[in-house]
Amino acid sequence: MEYEELINRIHDWAHHRKIDRADPRVEFMKMTEELGELSAAYNKQNHERLVDSIGDLQIALLIFCQLVGVDHKKALTAAYREIADRQGETTSAGVFIKQSDLERKN
């Protein structure tokens, strides 16, 4: 399924359930709840639950974007442009350090 078709289906699903007219704070709380679920699934190394939580989080994020008037695809594209040429290195612990921060240490 292509991005546009998936987004339209999610919007239709949300509209049918009147979620697209909900208070944005409700979807924001759903996102925070899903982050907790995601963390628990990750800590328990439960891959199936991890996938489910990521999906639920993405749907809540899409609906939240719609409620607050943010174009999700535009936001995602802007975020990628922000990091696309980012220079730096990743530590052995998996933490990314920006090149500018590395240069300040030297």
PDB file of N, CA and C in Angstrom:
ATOM      1  N   MET A   1       0.839  -1.165   0.000  1.00  0.00           N
ATOM      2  CA  MET A   1       0.000   0.000   0.000  1.00  0.00           C
ATOM      3  C   MET A   1       0.895   1.244   0.000  1.00  0.00           C
ATOM      4  N   GLU A   2       0.580   2.179  -0.851  1.00  0.00           N
ATOM      5  CA  GLU A   2       1.345   3.419  -0.951  1.00  0.00           C
ATOM      6  C   GLU A   2       1.001   4.370   0.199  1.00  0.00           C
ATOM      7  N   TYR A   3       1.904   5.301   0.469  1.00  0.00           N
ATOM      8  CA  TYR A   3       1.738   6.262   1.563  1.00  0.00           C
ATOM      9  C   TYR A   3       0.404   6.983   1.478  1.00  0.00           C
ATOM     10  N   GLU A   4       0.092   7.541   0.337  1.00  0.00           N
ATOM     11  CA  GLU A   4      -1.136   8.338   0.186  1.00  0.00           C
ATOM     12  C   GLU A   4      -2.380   7.500   0.457  1.00  0.00           C
ATOM     13  N   GLU A   5      -2.402   6.279  -0.033  1.00  0.00           N
ATOM     14  CA  GLU A   5      -3.563   5.409   0.192  1.00  0.00           C
ATOM     15  C   GLU A   5      -3.692   5.077   1.681  1.00  0.00           C
ATOM     16  N   LEU A   6      -2.593   4.788   2.311  1.00  0.00           N
ATOM     17  CA  LEU A   6      -2.613   4.483   3.741  1.00  0.00           C
ATOM     18  C   LEU A   6      -3.093   5.683   4.550  1.00  0.00           C
ATOM     19  N   ILE A   7      -2.568   6.856   4.242  1.00  0.00           N
ATOM     20  CA  ILE A   7      -2.967   8.067   4.956  1.00  0.00           C
ATOM     21  C   ILE A   7      -4.462   8.310   4.783  1.00  0.00           C
ATOM     22  N   ASN A   8      -4.953   8.157   3.571  1.00  0.00           N
ATOM     23  CA  ASN A   8      -6.388   8.363   3.320  1.00  0.00           C
ATOM     24  C   ASN A   8      -7.238   7.365   4.100  1.00  0.00           C
ATOM     25  N   ARG A   9      -6.792   6.130   4.185  1.00  0.00           N
ATOM     26  CA  ARG A   9      -7.531   5.128   4.956  1.00  0.00           C
ATOM     27  C   ARG A   9      -7.550   5.474   6.444  1.00  0.00           C
ATOM     28  N   ILE A  10      -6.426   5.935   6.943  1.00  0.00           N
ATOM     29  CA  ILE A  10      -6.369   6.326   8.354  1.00  0.00           C
ATOM     30  C   ILE A  10      -7.277   7.525   8.603  1.00  0.00           C
ATOM     31  N   HIS A  11      -7.257   8.502   7.699  1.00  0.00           N
ATOM     32  CA  HIS A  11      -8.134   9.663   7.846  1.00  0.00           C
ATOM     33  C   HIS A  11      -9.606   9.250   7.806  1.00  0.00           C
ATOM     34  N   ASP A  12      -9.967   8.341   6.896  1.00  0.00           N
ATOM     35  CA  ASP A  12     -11.344   7.849   6.817  1.00  0.00           C
ATOM     36  C   ASP A  12     -11.736   7.123   8.106  1.00  0.00           C
ATOM     37  N   TRP A  13     -10.827   6.297   8.612  1.00  0.00           N
ATOM     38  CA  TRP A  13     -11.058   5.556   9.853  1.00  0.00           C
ATOM     39  C   TRP A  13     -11.297   6.537  11.005  1.00  0.00           C
ATOM     40  N   ALA A  14     -10.456   7.549  11.104  1.00  0.00           N
ATOM     41  CA  ALA A  14     -10.572   8.538  12.180  1.00  0.00           C
ATOM     42  C   ALA A  14     -11.866   9.340  12.040  1.00  0.00           C
ATOM     43  N   HIS A  15     -12.218   9.684  10.817  1.00  0.00           N
ATOM     44  CA  HIS A  15     -13.443  10.458  10.581  1.00  0.00           C
ATOM     45  C   HIS A  15     -14.681   9.642  10.961  1.00  0.00           C
ATOM     46  N   HIS A  16     -14.702   8.389  10.565  1.00  0.00           N
ATOM     47  CA  HIS A  16     -15.836   7.510  10.865  1.00  0.00           C
ATOM     48  C   HIS A  16     -16.063   7.413  12.375  1.00  0.00           C
ATOM     49  N   ARG A  17     -15.002   7.435  13.145  1.00  0.00           N
ATOM     50  CA  ARG A  17     -15.085   7.330  14.601  1.00  0.00           C
ATOM     51  C   ARG A  17     -15.100   8.697  15.305  1.00  0.00           C
ATOM     52  N   LYS A  18     -15.130   9.768  14.486  1.00  0.00           N
ATOM     53  CA  LYS A  18     -15.166  11.158  14.979  1.00  0.00           C
ATOM     54  C   LYS A  18     -13.895  11.533  15.753  1.00  0.00           C
ATOM     55  N   ILE A  19     -12.846  10.788  15.558  1.00  0.00           N
ATOM     56  CA  ILE A  19     -11.568  11.093  16.206  1.00  0.00           C
ATOM     57  C   ILE A  19     -10.965  12.349  15.598  1.00  0.00           C
ATOM     58  N   ASP A  20     -11.272  12.610  14.328  1.00  0.00           N
ATOM     59  CA  ASP A  20     -10.709  13.774  13.642  1.00  0.00           C
ATOM     60  C   ASP A  20     -11.289  15.094  14.159  1.00  0.00           C
ATOM     61  N   ARG A  21     -12.237  15.018  15.090  1.00  0.00           N
ATOM     62  CA  ARG A  21     -12.790  16.217  15.715  1.00  0.00           C
ATOM     63  C   ARG A  21     -12.509  16.235  17.213  1.00  0.00           C
ATOM     64  N   ALA A  22     -11.635  15.349  17.635  1.00  0.00           N
ATOM     65  CA  ALA A  22     -11.311  15.235  19.060  1.00  0.00           C
ATOM     66  C   ALA A  22     -10.400  16.380  19.501  1.00  0.00           C
ATOM     67  N   ASP A  23     -10.264  16.515  20.780  1.00  0.00           N
ATOM     68  CA  ASP A  23      -9.338  17.473  21.357  1.00  0.00           C
ATOM     69  C   ASP A  23      -7.913  16.960  21.072  1.00  0.00           C
ATOM     70  N   PRO A  24      -7.057  17.780  20.498  1.00  0.00           N
ATOM     71  CA  PRO A  24      -5.688  17.326  20.198  1.00  0.00           C
ATOM     72  C   PRO A  24      -4.953  16.784  21.423  1.00  0.00           C
ATOM     73  N   ARG A  25      -5.319  17.259  22.604  1.00  0.00           N
ATOM     74  CA  ARG A  25      -4.658  16.781  23.826  1.00  0.00           C
ATOM     75  C   ARG A  25      -4.912  15.296  24.043  1.00  0.00           C
ATOM     76  N   VAL A  26      -6.060  14.814  23.580  1.00  0.00           N
ATOM     77  CA  VAL A  26      -6.366  13.388  23.713  1.00  0.00           C
ATOM     78  C   VAL A  26      -5.386  12.573  22.870  1.00  0.00           C
ATOM     79  N   GLU A  27      -5.174  12.984  21.632  1.00  0.00           N
ATOM     80  CA  GLU A  27      -4.220  12.266  20.772  1.00  0.00           C
ATOM     81  C   GLU A  27      -2.800  12.417  21.296  1.00  0.00           C
ATOM     82  N   PHE A  28      -2.502  13.576  21.875  1.00  0.00           N
ATOM     83  CA  PHE A  28      -1.175  13.766  22.462  1.00  0.00           C
ATOM     84  C   PHE A  28      -0.974  12.765  23.595  1.00  0.00           C
ATOM     85  N   MET A  29      -1.983  12.581  24.432  1.00  0.00           N
ATOM     86  CA  MET A  29      -1.877  11.613  25.522  1.00  0.00           C
ATOM     87  C   MET A  29      -1.777  10.195  24.981  1.00  0.00           C
ATOM     88  N   LYS A  30      -2.449   9.911  23.875  1.00  0.00           N
ATOM     89  CA  LYS A  30      -2.329   8.584  23.252  1.00  0.00           C
ATOM     90  C   LYS A  30      -0.896   8.354  22.785  1.00  0.00           C
ATOM     91  N   MET A  31      -0.274   9.397  22.250  1.00  0.00           N
ATOM     92  CA  MET A  31       1.116   9.257  21.805  1.00  0.00           C
ATOM     93  C   MET A  31       2.031   8.971  22.991  1.00  0.00           C
ATOM     94  N   THR A  32       1.817   9.666  24.097  1.00  0.00           N
ATOM     95  CA  THR A  32       2.681   9.421  25.258  1.00  0.00           C
ATOM     96  C   THR A  32       2.448   8.024  25.813  1.00  0.00           C
ATOM     97  N   GLU A  33       1.204   7.574  25.794  1.00  0.00           N
ATOM     98  CA  GLU A  33       0.900   6.211  26.239  1.00  0.00           C
ATOM     99  C   GLU A  33       1.590   5.190  25.340  1.00  0.00           C
ATOM    100  N   GLU A  34       1.540   5.422  24.039  1.00  0.00           N
ATOM    101  CA  GLU A  34       2.173   4.494  23.106  1.00  0.00           C
ATOM    102  C   GLU A  34       3.698   4.485  23.249  1.00  0.00           C
ATOM    103  N   LEU A  35       4.272   5.635  23.601  1.00  0.00           N
ATOM    104  CA  LEU A  35       5.716   5.649  23.861  1.00  0.00           C
ATOM    105  C   LEU A  35       6.058   4.747  25.034  1.00  0.00           C
ATOM    106  N   GLY A  36       5.205   4.744  26.052  1.00  0.00           N
ATOM    107  CA  GLY A  36       5.395   3.839  27.187  1.00  0.00           C
ATOM    108  C   GLY A  36       5.298   2.386  26.764  1.00  0.00           C
ATOM    109  N   GLU A  37       4.312   2.077  25.919  1.00  0.00           N
ATOM    110  CA  GLU A  37       4.158   0.719  25.391  1.00  0.00           C
ATOM    111  C   GLU A  37       5.374   0.321  24.558  1.00  0.00           C
ATOM    112  N   LEU A  38       5.848   1.270  23.765  1.00  0.00           N
ATOM    113  CA  LEU A  38       7.018   1.030  22.928  1.00  0.00           C
ATOM    114  C   LEU A  38       8.238   0.725  23.786  1.00  0.00           C
ATOM    115  N   SER A  39       8.410   1.501  24.834  1.00  0.00           N
ATOM    116  CA  SER A  39       9.531   1.294  25.746  1.00  0.00           C
ATOM    117  C   SER A  39       9.455  -0.075  26.412  1.00  0.00           C
ATOM    118  N   ALA A  40       8.264  -0.444  26.866  1.00  0.00           N
ATOM    119  CA  ALA A  40       8.097  -1.751  27.512  1.00  0.00           C
ATOM    120  C   ALA A  40       8.386  -2.888  26.537  1.00  0.00           C
ATOM    121  N   ALA A  41       7.884  -2.757  25.314  1.00  0.00           N
ATOM    122  CA  ALA A  41       8.128  -3.805  24.314  1.00  0.00           C
ATOM    123  C   ALA A  41       9.608  -3.915  23.986  1.00  0.00           C
ATOM    124  N   TYR A  42      10.274  -2.771  23.886  1.00  0.00           N
ATOM    125  CA  TYR A  42      11.713  -2.771  23.595  1.00  0.00           C
ATOM    126  C   TYR A  42      12.491  -3.419  24.742  1.00  0.00           C
ATOM    127  N   ASN A  43      12.159  -3.027  25.964  1.00  0.00           N
ATOM    128  CA  ASN A  43      12.873  -3.572  27.120  1.00  0.00           C
ATOM    129  C   ASN A  43      12.656  -5.069  27.281  1.00  0.00           C
ATOM    130  N   LYS A  44      11.487  -5.548  26.890  1.00  0.00           N
ATOM    131  CA  LYS A  44      11.184  -6.979  26.987  1.00  0.00           C
ATOM    132  C   LYS A  44      11.604  -7.734  25.729  1.00  0.00           C
ATOM    133  N   GLN A  45      12.166  -7.003  24.768  1.00  0.00           N
ATOM    134  CA  GLN A  45      12.583  -7.572  23.485  1.00  0.00           C
ATOM    135  C   GLN A  45      11.443  -8.340  22.816  1.00  0.00           C
ATOM    136  N   ASN A  46      10.251  -7.743  22.884  1.00  0.00           N
ATOM    137  CA  ASN A  46       9.060  -8.331  22.286  1.00  0.00           C
ATOM    138  C   ASN A  46       8.839  -7.681  20.927  1.00  0.00           C
ATOM    139  N   HIS A  47       9.384  -8.303  19.889  1.00  0.00           N
ATOM    140  CA  HIS A  47       9.369  -7.714  18.547  1.00  0.00           C
ATOM    141  C   HIS A  47       7.952  -7.491  18.030  1.00  0.00           C
ATOM    142  N   GLU A  48       7.076  -8.450  18.250  1.00  0.00           N
ATOM    143  CA  GLU A  48       5.706  -8.321  17.745  1.00  0.00           C
ATOM    144  C   GLU A  48       5.004  -7.127  18.389  1.00  0.00           C
ATOM    145  N   ARG A  49       5.162  -6.972  19.699  1.00  0.00           N
ATOM    146  CA  ARG A  49       4.548  -5.836  20.403  1.00  0.00           C
ATOM    147  C   ARG A  49       5.215  -4.528  20.011  1.00  0.00           C
ATOM    148  N   LEU A  50       6.503  -4.584  19.727  1.00  0.00           N
ATOM    149  CA  LEU A  50       7.249  -3.408  19.285  1.00  0.00           C
ATOM    150  C   LEU A  50       6.676  -2.884  17.970  1.00  0.00           C
ATOM    151  N   VAL A  51       6.460  -3.774  17.028  1.00  0.00           N
ATOM    152  CA  VAL A  51       5.879  -3.400  15.735  1.00  0.00           C
ATOM    153  C   VAL A  51       4.488  -2.813  15.939  1.00  0.00           C
ATOM    154  N   ASP A  52       3.689  -3.454  16.788  1.00  0.00           N
ATOM    155  CA  ASP A  52       2.337  -2.971  17.064  1.00  0.00           C
ATOM    156  C   ASP A  52       2.360  -1.577  17.678  1.00  0.00           C
ATOM    157  N   SER A  53       3.242  -1.359  18.641  1.00  0.00           N
ATOM    158  CA  SER A  53       3.332  -0.058  19.306  1.00  0.00           C
ATOM    159  C   SER A  53       3.799   1.034  18.356  1.00  0.00           C
ATOM    160  N   ILE A  54       4.748   0.711  17.491  1.00  0.00           N
ATOM    161  CA  ILE A  54       5.215   1.691  16.503  1.00  0.00           C
ATOM    162  C   ILE A  54       4.063   2.083  15.582  1.00  0.00           C
ATOM    163  N   GLY A  55       3.297   1.107  15.142  1.00  0.00           N
ATOM    164  CA  GLY A  55       2.142   1.391  14.289  1.00  0.00           C
ATOM    165  C   GLY A  55       1.110   2.256  14.982  1.00  0.00           C
ATOM    166  N   ASP A  56       0.790   1.906  16.229  1.00  0.00           N
ATOM    167  CA  ASP A  56      -0.183   2.689  16.989  1.00  0.00           C
ATOM    168  C   ASP A  56       0.304   4.117  17.197  1.00  0.00           C
ATOM    169  N   LEU A  57       1.588   4.264  17.485  1.00  0.00           N
ATOM    170  CA  LEU A  57       2.166   5.592  17.684  1.00  0.00           C
ATOM    171  C   LEU A  57       2.077   6.416  16.404  1.00  0.00           C
ATOM    172  N   GLN A  58       2.367   5.805  15.279  1.00  0.00           N
ATOM    173  CA  GLN A  58       2.304   6.521  14.000  1.00  0.00           C
ATOM    174  C   GLN A  58       0.886   6.976  13.677  1.00  0.00           C
ATOM    175  N   ILE A  59      -0.091   6.125  13.949  1.00  0.00           N
ATOM    176  CA  ILE A  59      -1.480   6.512  13.684  1.00  0.00           C
ATOM    177  C   ILE A  59      -1.883   7.672  14.581  1.00  0.00           C
ATOM    178  N   ALA A  60      -1.533   7.596  15.868  1.00  0.00           N
ATOM    179  CA  ALA A  60      -1.845   8.695  16.778  1.00  0.00           C
ATOM    180  C   ALA A  60      -1.160   9.981  16.327  1.00  0.00           C
ATOM    181  N   LEU A  61       0.067   9.865  15.838  1.00  0.00           N
ATOM    182  CA  LEU A  61       0.802  11.036  15.353  1.00  0.00           C
ATOM    183  C   LEU A  61       0.133  11.633  14.114  1.00  0.00           C
ATOM    184  N   LEU A  62      -0.291  10.784  13.197  1.00  0.00           N
ATOM    185  CA  LEU A  62      -0.978  11.275  11.998  1.00  0.00           C
ATOM    186  C   LEU A  62      -2.266  12.013  12.357  1.00  0.00           C
ATOM    187  N   ILE A  63      -3.036  11.431  13.267  1.00  0.00           N
ATOM    188  CA  ILE A  63      -4.289  12.069  13.672  1.00  0.00           C
ATOM    189  C   ILE A  63      -3.997  13.370  14.404  1.00  0.00           C
ATOM    190  N   PHE A  64      -2.990  13.374  15.266  1.00  0.00           N
ATOM    191  CA  PHE A  64      -2.606  14.591  15.972  1.00  0.00           C
ATOM    192  C   PHE A  64      -2.233  15.684  14.972  1.00  0.00           C
ATOM    193  N   CYS A  65      -1.448  15.329  13.962  1.00  0.00           N
ATOM    194  CA  CYS A  65      -1.071  16.305  12.931  1.00  0.00           C
ATOM    195  C   CYS A  65      -2.309  16.901  12.279  1.00  0.00           C
ATOM    196  N   GLN A  66      -3.252  16.047  11.954  1.00  0.00           N
ATOM    197  CA  GLN A  66      -4.479  16.523  11.324  1.00  0.00           C
ATOM    198  C   GLN A  66      -5.229  17.470  12.262  1.00  0.00           C
ATOM    199  N   LEU A  67      -5.315  17.121  13.528  1.00  0.00           N
ATOM    200  CA  LEU A  67      -6.055  17.935  14.491  1.00  0.00           C
ATOM    201  C   LEU A  67      -5.439  19.311  14.703  1.00  0.00           C
ATOM    202  N   VAL A  68      -4.112  19.387  14.626  1.00  0.00           N
ATOM    203  CA  VAL A  68      -3.447  20.676  14.881  1.00  0.00           C
ATOM    204  C   VAL A  68      -3.050  21.393  13.591  1.00  0.00           C
ATOM    205  N   GLY A  69      -3.417  20.813  12.442  1.00  0.00           N
ATOM    206  CA  GLY A  69      -3.179  21.485  11.169  1.00  0.00           C
ATOM    207  C   GLY A  69      -1.754  21.396  10.649  1.00  0.00           C
ATOM    208  N   VAL A  70      -1.074  20.308  10.941  1.00  0.00           N
ATOM    209  CA  VAL A  70       0.292  20.106  10.453  1.00  0.00           C
ATOM    210  C   VAL A  70       0.265  19.017   9.383  1.00  0.00           C
ATOM    211  N   ASP A  71       0.872  19.290   8.255  1.00  0.00           N
ATOM    212  CA  ASP A  71       0.981  18.305   7.176  1.00  0.00           C
ATOM    213  C   ASP A  71       2.057  17.294   7.564  1.00  0.00           C
ATOM    214  N   HIS A  72       1.632  16.059   7.863  1.00  0.00           N
ATOM    215  CA  HIS A  72       2.547  15.029   8.340  1.00  0.00           C
ATOM    216  C   HIS A  72       3.670  14.750   7.342  1.00  0.00           C
ATOM    217  N   LYS A  73       3.307  14.612   6.086  1.00  0.00           N
ATOM    218  CA  LYS A  73       4.315  14.304   5.064  1.00  0.00           C
ATOM    219  C   LYS A  73       5.327  15.451   4.945  1.00  0.00           C
ATOM    220  N   LYS A  74       4.846  16.680   5.004  1.00  0.00           N
ATOM    221  CA  LYS A  74       5.723  17.850   4.936  1.00  0.00           C
ATOM    222  C   LYS A  74       6.657  17.882   6.159  1.00  0.00           C
ATOM    223  N   ALA A  75       6.111  17.569   7.334  1.00  0.00           N
ATOM    224  CA  ALA A  75       6.927  17.554   8.552  1.00  0.00           C
ATOM    225  C   ALA A  75       7.997  16.466   8.477  1.00  0.00           C
ATOM    226  N   LEU A  76       7.616  15.303   7.974  1.00  0.00           N
ATOM    227  CA  LEU A  76       8.569  14.199   7.834  1.00  0.00           C
ATOM    228  C   LEU A  76       9.670  14.546   6.842  1.00  0.00           C
ATOM    229  N   THR A  77       9.287  15.159   5.737  1.00  0.00           N
ATOM    230  CA  THR A  77      10.268  15.578   4.729  1.00  0.00           C
ATOM    231  C   THR A  77      11.215  16.622   5.300  1.00  0.00           C
ATOM    232  N   ALA A  78      10.678  17.585   6.037  1.00  0.00           N
ATOM    233  CA  ALA A  78      11.511  18.630   6.646  1.00  0.00           C
ATOM    234  C   ALA A  78      12.476  18.023   7.665  1.00  0.00           C
ATOM    235  N   ALA A  79      11.994  17.055   8.438  1.00  0.00           N
ATOM    236  CA  ALA A  79      12.865  16.402   9.427  1.00  0.00           C
ATOM    237  C   ALA A  79      14.003  15.662   8.732  1.00  0.00           C
ATOM    238  N   TYR A  80      13.690  14.990   7.624  1.00  0.00           N
ATOM    239  CA  TYR A  80      14.750  14.285   6.904  1.00  0.00           C
ATOM    240  C   TYR A  80      15.771  15.268   6.348  1.00  0.00           C
ATOM    241  N   ARG A  81      15.292  16.367   5.773  1.00  0.00           N
ATOM    242  CA  ARG A  81      16.231  17.364   5.242  1.00  0.00           C
ATOM    243  C   ARG A  81      17.156  17.883   6.341  1.00  0.00           C
ATOM    244  N   GLU A  82      16.614  18.000   7.540  1.00  0.00           N
ATOM    245  CA  GLU A  82      17.388  18.481   8.687  1.00  0.00           C
ATOM    246  C   GLU A  82      18.558  17.546   9.013  1.00  0.00           C
ATOM    247  N   ILE A  83      18.334  16.242   8.861  1.00  0.00           N
ATOM    248  CA  ILE A  83      19.372  15.282   9.258  1.00  0.00           C
ATOM    249  C   ILE A  83      20.159  14.694   8.092  1.00  0.00           C
ATOM    250  N   ALA A  84      19.708  14.907   6.873  1.00  0.00           N
ATOM    251  CA  ALA A  84      20.289  14.229   5.708  1.00  0.00           C
ATOM    252  C   ALA A  84      21.796  14.404   5.585  1.00  0.00           C
ATOM    253  N   ASP A  85      22.272  15.592   5.829  1.00  0.00           N
ATOM    254  CA  ASP A  85      23.697  15.853   5.663  1.00  0.00           C
ATOM    255  C   ASP A  85      24.414  16.026   7.000  1.00  0.00           C
ATOM    256  N   ARG A  86      23.787  15.590   8.058  1.00  0.00           N
ATOM    257  CA  ARG A  86      24.375  15.750   9.385  1.00  0.00           C
ATOM    258  C   ARG A  86      25.662  14.942   9.473  1.00  0.00           C
ATOM    259  N   GLN A  87      26.675  15.578   9.965  1.00  0.00           N
ATOM    260  CA  GLN A  87      27.989  14.948  10.098  1.00  0.00           C
ATOM    261  C   GLN A  87      28.265  14.679  11.570  1.00  0.00           C
ATOM    262  N   GLY A  88      28.960  13.606  11.840  1.00  0.00           N
ATOM    263  CA  GLY A  88      29.324  13.262  13.201  1.00  0.00           C
ATOM    264  C   GLY A  88      29.682  11.800  13.282  1.00  0.00           C
ATOM    265  N   GLU A  89      29.590  11.264  14.477  1.00  0.00           N
ATOM    266  CA  GLU A  89      29.892   9.850  14.650  1.00  0.00           C
ATOM    267  C   GLU A  89      28.996   9.275  15.731  1.00  0.00           C
ATOM    268  N   THR A  90      28.875   7.973  15.711  1.00  0.00           N
ATOM    269  CA  THR A  90      28.081   7.260  16.695  1.00  0.00           C
ATOM    270  C   THR A  90      29.027   6.554  17.653  1.00  0.00           C
ATOM    271  N   THR A  91      28.778   6.703  18.930  1.00  0.00           N
ATOM    272  CA  THR A  91      29.632   6.070  19.939  1.00  0.00           C
ATOM    273  C   THR A  91      29.328   4.580  20.008  1.00  0.00           C
ATOM    274  N   SER A  92      30.136   3.850  20.757  1.00  0.00           N
ATOM    275  CA  SER A  92      29.914   2.411  20.911  1.00  0.00           C
ATOM    276  C   SER A  92      28.589   2.131  21.621  1.00  0.00           C
ATOM    277  N   ALA A  93      28.074   3.105  22.361  1.00  0.00           N
ATOM    278  CA  ALA A  93      26.778   2.955  23.041  1.00  0.00           C
ATOM    279  C   ALA A  93      25.613   3.309  22.119  1.00  0.00           C
ATOM    280  N   GLY A  94      25.923   3.696  20.875  1.00  0.00           N
ATOM    281  CA  GLY A  94      24.872   4.014  19.917  1.00  0.00           C
ATOM    282  C   GLY A  94      24.364   5.435  20.002  1.00  0.00           C
ATOM    283  N   VAL A  95      25.097   6.317  20.639  1.00  0.00           N
ATOM    284  CA  VAL A  95      24.698   7.713  20.763  1.00  0.00           C
ATOM    285  C   VAL A  95      25.361   8.515  19.645  1.00  0.00           C
ATOM    286  N   PHE A  96      24.560   9.265  18.885  1.00  0.00           N
ATOM    287  CA  PHE A  96      25.093  10.078  17.797  1.00  0.00           C
ATOM    288  C   PHE A  96      25.590  11.403  18.352  1.00  0.00           C
ATOM    289  N   ILE A  97      26.796  11.768  17.973  1.00  0.00           N
ATOM    290  CA  ILE A  97      27.373  13.050  18.377  1.00  0.00           C
ATOM    291  C   ILE A  97      27.601  13.869  17.117  1.00  0.00           C
ATOM    292  N   LYS A  98      26.992  15.063  17.078  1.00  0.00           N
ATOM    293  CA  LYS A  98      27.127  15.925  15.904  1.00  0.00           C
ATOM    294  C   LYS A  98      28.575  16.369  15.735  1.00  0.00           C
ATOM    295  N   GLN A  99      28.949  16.589  14.494  1.00  0.00           N
ATOM    296  CA  GLN A  99      30.303  17.023  14.169  1.00  0.00           C
ATOM    297  C   GLN A  99      30.654  18.325  14.890  1.00  0.00           C
ATOM    298  N   SER A 100      29.708  19.247  14.959  1.00  0.00           N
ATOM    299  CA  SER A 100      29.967  20.525  15.626  1.00  0.00           C
ATOM    300  C   SER A 100      30.278  20.318  17.104  1.00  0.00           C
ATOM    301  N   ASP A 101      29.644  19.374  17.744  1.00  0.00           N
ATOM    302  CA  ASP A 101      29.926  19.073  19.151  1.00  0.00           C
ATOM    303  C   ASP A 101      31.295  18.423  19.286  1.00  0.00           C
ATOM    304  N   LEU A 102      31.652  17.585  18.318  1.00  0.00           N
ATOM    305  CA  LEU A 102      32.987  16.959  18.340  1.00  0.00           C
ATOM    306  C   LEU A 102      34.067  18.005  18.212  1.00  0.00           C
ATOM    307  N   GLU A 103      33.848  18.988  17.325  1.00  0.00           N
ATOM    308  CA  GLU A 103      34.833  20.032  17.100  1.00  0.00           C
ATOM    309  C   GLU A 103      34.990  20.936  18.318  1.00  0.00           C
ATOM    310  N   ARG A 104      33.904  21.169  19.054  1.00  0.00           N
ATOM    311  CA  ARG A 104      33.984  21.980  20.267  1.00  0.00           C
ATOM    312  C   ARG A 104      34.804  21.297  21.343  1.00  0.00           C
ATOM    313  N   LYS A 105      34.784  19.962  21.386  1.00  0.00           N
ATOM    314  CA  LYS A 105      35.560  19.223  22.390  1.00  0.00           C
ATOM    315  C   LYS A 105      37.054  19.287  22.102  1.00  0.00           C
ATOM    316  N   ASN A 106      37.433  19.460  20.843  1.00  0.00           N
ATOM    317  CA  ASN A 106      38.844  19.453  20.466  1.00  0.00           C
ATOM    318  C   ASN A 106      39.466  20.799  20.596  1.00  0.00           C
TER     319      ASN A 106
END
